[in-house]
Amino acid sequence: MSLKKGMKVKVCIGRDKGKTGEIIEINRSMNRAKVKQVNMVKKHKKPTKENKGGIISLEGSIHISNLKKIDSVKEKAKK
């Protein structure tokens, strides 16, 4: 499947099944992608001089085989 940054996709497997979003980042070597506001994980950050520490939420990566491309005209998931 040819997925690119900025494409609309739908998650078909996992705890975020049925959610849709836009691809932010793709890692082709590991076959994984990050989708906007999907698969959110908590990350503990240590405080530094520049940044305040605490718990922040980030997008986790999802395997490409668990994503379906959405047709922009019909808003339906394609294989």
C-alpha atoms as a PDB file:
ATOM      1  CA  MET A   1       0.000   0.000   0.000  1.00  0.00           C
ATOM      2  CA  SER A   2       1.342   3.446  -0.822  1.00  0.00           C
ATOM      3  CA  LEU A   3       0.816   5.680   2.193  1.00  0.00           C
ATOM      4  CA  LYS A   4       2.252   9.175   2.333  1.00  0.00           C
ATOM      5  CA  LYS A   5       2.518  11.923   4.909  1.00  0.00           C
ATOM      6  CA  GLY A   6      -0.691  13.966   5.041  1.00  0.00           C
ATOM      7  CA  MET A   7      -3.036  11.174   3.843  1.00  0.00           C
ATOM      8  CA  LYS A   8      -6.263  10.426   5.695  1.00  0.00           C
ATOM      9  CA  VAL A   9      -6.388   6.899   7.145  1.00  0.00           C
ATOM     10  CA  LYS A  10      -8.665   4.768   9.284  1.00  0.00           C
ATOM     11  CA  VAL A  11      -7.436   2.368  11.994  1.00  0.00           C
ATOM     12  CA  CYS A  12      -8.890  -1.123  11.450  1.00  0.00           C
ATOM     13  CA  ILE A  13      -7.274  -3.113  14.317  1.00  0.00           C
ATOM     14  CA  GLY A  14      -6.380  -2.310  17.930  1.00  0.00           C
ATOM     15  CA  ARG A  15      -7.728  -0.255  20.792  1.00  0.00           C
ATOM     16  CA  ASP A  16      -8.269   2.758  18.510  1.00  0.00           C
ATOM     17  CA  LYS A  17     -10.260   0.746  15.959  1.00  0.00           C
ATOM     18  CA  GLY A  18     -12.548   2.937  13.865  1.00  0.00           C
ATOM     19  CA  LYS A  19     -10.718   6.215  14.504  1.00  0.00           C
ATOM     20  CA  THR A  20      -9.577   8.317  11.579  1.00  0.00           C
ATOM     21  CA  GLY A  21      -6.748  10.783  11.273  1.00  0.00           C
ATOM     22  CA  GLU A  22      -3.960  12.229   9.189  1.00  0.00           C
ATOM     23  CA  ILE A  23      -0.515  10.638   8.901  1.00  0.00           C
ATOM     24  CA  ILE A  24       2.131  12.770  10.630  1.00  0.00           C
ATOM     25  CA  GLU A  25       5.226  10.623  10.165  1.00  0.00           C
ATOM     26  CA  ILE A  26       6.175   7.362   8.412  1.00  0.00           C
ATOM     27  CA  ASN A  27       9.057   5.039   9.304  1.00  0.00           C
ATOM     28  CA  ARG A  28       9.517   2.886   6.193  1.00  0.00           C
ATOM     29  CA  SER A  29      12.296   0.706   7.635  1.00  0.00           C
ATOM     30  CA  MET A  30      10.048  -0.518  10.485  1.00  0.00           C
ATOM     31  CA  ASN A  31       6.736  -0.283   8.495  1.00  0.00           C
ATOM     32  CA  ARG A  32       5.159   1.996  11.086  1.00  0.00           C
ATOM     33  CA  ALA A  33       3.304   5.323  10.952  1.00  0.00           C
ATOM     34  CA  LYS A  34       2.157   7.978  13.420  1.00  0.00           C
ATOM     35  CA  VAL A  35      -1.417   9.201  13.016  1.00  0.00           C
ATOM     36  CA  LYS A  36      -2.659  12.493  14.466  1.00  0.00           C
ATOM     37  CA  GLN A  37      -4.574  12.011  17.783  1.00  0.00           C
ATOM     38  CA  VAL A  38      -4.524   8.179  17.513  1.00  0.00           C
ATOM     39  CA  ASN A  39      -2.691   5.716  19.803  1.00  0.00           C
ATOM     40  CA  MET A  40      -1.855   8.374  22.392  1.00  0.00           C
ATOM     41  CA  VAL A  41       0.792   7.326  24.941  1.00  0.00           C
ATOM     42  CA  LYS A  42       2.029   9.048  28.106  1.00  0.00           C
ATOM     43  CA  LYS A  43       5.685  10.049  28.329  1.00  0.00           C
ATOM     44  CA  HIS A  44       7.423  11.214  31.499  1.00  0.00           C
ATOM     45  CA  LYS A  45       9.811  14.112  30.815  1.00  0.00           C
ATOM     46  CA  LYS A  46      12.558  15.227  33.170  1.00  0.00           C
ATOM     47  CA  PRO A  47      12.713  18.990  33.764  1.00  0.00           C
ATOM     48  CA  THR A  48      15.591  20.881  32.159  1.00  0.00           C
ATOM     49  CA  LYS A  49      16.629  24.530  32.114  1.00  0.00           C
ATOM     50  CA  GLU A  50      14.694  25.149  28.901  1.00  0.00           C
ATOM     51  CA  ASN A  51      11.670  22.849  29.361  1.00  0.00           C
ATOM     52  CA  LYS A  52       9.309  22.177  32.202  1.00  0.00           C
ATOM     53  CA  GLY A  53       9.046  18.499  33.127  1.00  0.00           C
ATOM     54  CA  GLY A  54       5.944  16.395  33.687  1.00  0.00           C
ATOM     55  CA  ILE A  55       3.736  13.878  31.941  1.00  0.00           C
ATOM     56  CA  ILE A  56       2.961  14.640  28.293  1.00  0.00           C
ATOM     57  CA  SER A  57       0.861  12.812  25.694  1.00  0.00           C
ATOM     58  CA  LEU A  58       2.393  11.817  22.358  1.00  0.00           C
ATOM     59  CA  GLU A  59       1.225   9.815  19.362  1.00  0.00           C
ATOM     60  CA  GLY A  60       2.539   6.264  19.313  1.00  0.00           C
ATOM     61  CA  SER A  61       3.330   4.480  16.067  1.00  0.00           C
ATOM     62  CA  ILE A  62       0.984   1.963  14.422  1.00  0.00           C
ATOM     63  CA  HIS A  63       1.954  -0.783  11.986  1.00  0.00           C
ATOM     64  CA  ILE A  64       1.057   0.144   8.406  1.00  0.00           C
ATOM     65  CA  SER A  65      -0.913  -3.087   7.904  1.00  0.00           C
ATOM     66  CA  ASN A  66      -3.432  -1.872  10.515  1.00  0.00           C
ATOM     67  CA  LEU A  67      -4.305   1.249   8.503  1.00  0.00           C
ATOM     68  CA  LYS A  68      -6.679   1.761   5.582  1.00  0.00           C
ATOM     69  CA  LYS A  69      -6.531   4.661   3.170  1.00  0.00           C
ATOM     70  CA  ILE A  70      -9.703   6.810   3.107  1.00  0.00           C
ATOM     71  CA  ASP A  71     -11.083   8.046  -0.200  1.00  0.00           C
ATOM     72  CA  SER A  72     -11.391  11.834   0.175  1.00  0.00           C
ATOM     73  CA  VAL A  73     -14.445  12.088  -2.090  1.00  0.00           C
ATOM     74  CA  LYS A  74     -16.542   9.244  -0.686  1.00  0.00           C
ATOM     75  CA  GLU A  75     -15.040   9.222   2.868  1.00  0.00           C
ATOM     76  CA  LYS A  76     -14.915   5.413   2.799  1.00  0.00           C
ATOM     77  CA  ALA A  77     -11.992   3.171   3.686  1.00  0.00           C
ATOM     78  CA  LYS A  78     -10.243   1.476   0.770  1.00  0.00           C
ATOM     79  CA  LYS A  79      -8.210  -1.706   0.835  1.00  0.00           C
END
